[in-house]
């Protein structure tokens, strides 16, 4: 189990949501992530750049079988380091919230 560690990089609301959406999947399409978060391409790119610089998110481009053109899709995933950092951050939030006690 991950040791609790508050992470300022992950804690920003959009970055926290990015990590939460990427955690249960192997990878996710940039457009799906953008639409789910209801942010612009530029906003998502900015937050992904911060997470990538910390070593928490990786990306790859690949052609889509569903597309008839040559454009590629950007696939995003949490790295092993990102998964560990996210788990530690969630644990820290649970400790802060006193997860053993019910919230009113």
Protein backbone atom coordinates (compact mmCIF):
# COMPACT_ATOMS: atom_id res chain seq x y z
CA UNK A 1 0.00 0.00 0.00
CA UNK A 2 1.32 3.44 -0.92
CA UNK A 3 2.58 5.64 1.88
CA UNK A 4 0.60 8.87 2.19
CA UNK A 5 2.32 11.79 0.46
CA UNK A 6 0.63 15.03 -0.54
CA UNK A 7 1.72 15.98 -4.07
CA UNK A 8 1.37 19.59 -5.19
CA UNK A 9 1.80 18.60 -8.84
CA UNK A 10 -1.14 16.20 -8.77
CA UNK A 11 -3.32 18.27 -6.43
CA UNK A 12 -4.36 20.95 -8.95
CA UNK A 13 -8.02 20.10 -9.74
CA UNK A 14 -7.60 19.37 -13.46
CA UNK A 15 -4.43 17.32 -12.89
CA UNK A 16 -6.10 15.40 -10.06
CA UNK A 17 -8.99 14.56 -12.38
CA UNK A 18 -6.59 13.58 -15.19
CA UNK A 19 -4.84 11.12 -12.89
CA UNK A 20 -8.16 9.81 -11.62
CA UNK A 21 -9.38 9.18 -15.16
CA UNK A 22 -6.13 7.56 -16.30
CA UNK A 23 -5.67 5.34 -13.22
CA UNK A 24 -8.19 2.59 -14.08
CA UNK A 25 -7.22 2.30 -17.77
CA UNK A 26 -4.12 1.36 -19.75
CA UNK A 27 -4.44 4.48 -21.91
CA UNK A 28 -6.96 7.08 -22.97
CA UNK A 29 -7.43 9.15 -26.13
CA UNK A 30 -6.56 12.85 -25.74
CA UNK A 31 -9.94 13.90 -27.21
CA UNK A 32 -11.89 11.65 -24.84
CA UNK A 33 -9.95 13.02 -21.87
CA UNK A 34 -10.50 16.62 -23.06
CA UNK A 35 -14.22 16.10 -23.58
CA UNK A 36 -14.68 14.31 -20.25
CA UNK A 37 -12.90 17.11 -18.39
CA UNK A 38 -14.70 19.78 -20.47
CA UNK A 39 -11.50 21.77 -21.03
CA UNK A 40 -9.84 23.19 -24.14
CA UNK A 41 -7.01 21.47 -25.99
CA UNK A 42 -4.62 24.14 -24.71
CA UNK A 43 -5.68 23.70 -21.08
CA UNK A 44 -5.37 19.93 -21.23
CA UNK A 45 -2.00 20.16 -23.00
CA UNK A 46 -0.67 22.52 -20.32
CA UNK A 47 -1.65 20.18 -17.49
CA UNK A 48 -0.36 17.12 -19.33
CA UNK A 49 2.98 18.85 -19.89
CA UNK A 50 3.28 19.47 -16.13
CA UNK A 51 2.42 15.83 -15.34
CA UNK A 52 4.82 14.57 -18.03
CA UNK A 53 7.65 16.77 -16.70
CA UNK A 54 7.15 15.13 -13.29
CA UNK A 55 7.33 11.71 -14.95
CA UNK A 56 3.68 10.92 -14.13
CA UNK A 57 2.15 10.75 -17.62
CA UNK A 58 3.41 9.42 -20.91
CA UNK A 59 1.96 9.81 -24.38
CA UNK A 60 2.22 8.05 -27.71
CA UNK A 61 0.73 8.70 -31.12
CA UNK A 62 -0.89 5.97 -33.14
CA UNK A 63 -3.13 5.69 -36.17
CA UNK A 64 -6.74 4.82 -35.54
CA UNK A 65 -8.40 1.93 -37.32
CA UNK A 66 -11.68 3.88 -37.20
CA UNK A 67 -10.31 6.92 -39.02
CA UNK A 68 -10.11 7.06 -42.77
CA UNK A 69 -7.38 9.71 -42.83
CA UNK A 70 -3.73 9.78 -41.82
CA UNK A 71 -4.21 11.77 -38.61
CA UNK A 72 -2.95 10.07 -35.50
CA UNK A 73 -4.51 9.87 -32.07
CA UNK A 74 -2.57 10.85 -28.96
CA UNK A 75 -2.89 8.17 -26.30
CA UNK A 76 -2.12 9.06 -22.69
CA UNK A 77 -1.31 6.87 -19.74
CA UNK A 78 -0.10 7.09 -16.16
CA UNK A 79 3.45 5.86 -15.74
CA UNK A 80 4.39 3.51 -12.92
CA UNK A 81 5.75 6.56 -11.08
CA UNK A 82 2.50 8.42 -11.76
CA UNK A 83 0.38 5.56 -10.44
CA UNK A 84 2.45 5.42 -7.24
CA UNK A 85 2.34 9.19 -6.77
CA UNK A 86 -1.42 9.30 -7.36
CA UNK A 87 -2.04 6.46 -4.87
CA UNK A 88 0.14 8.22 -2.27
CA UNK A 89 -1.66 11.52 -2.87
CA UNK A 90 -5.12 9.93 -2.54
CA UNK A 91 -3.99 8.30 0.70
CA UNK A 92 -2.81 11.68 2.00
CA UNK A 93 -6.19 13.22 1.11
CA UNK A 94 -7.95 10.39 2.93
CA UNK A 95 -5.82 11.05 6.01
CA UNK A 96 -6.54 14.78 5.80
CA UNK A 97 -10.26 14.08 5.47
CA UNK A 98 -10.15 11.60 8.35
CA UNK A 99 -11.55 8.81 6.19
CA UNK A 100 -12.13 6.64 9.26
CA UNK A 101 -14.82 9.11 10.33
CA UNK A 102 -17.99 9.71 8.32
CA UNK A 103 -18.22 13.11 6.65
CA UNK A 104 -21.19 15.27 7.63
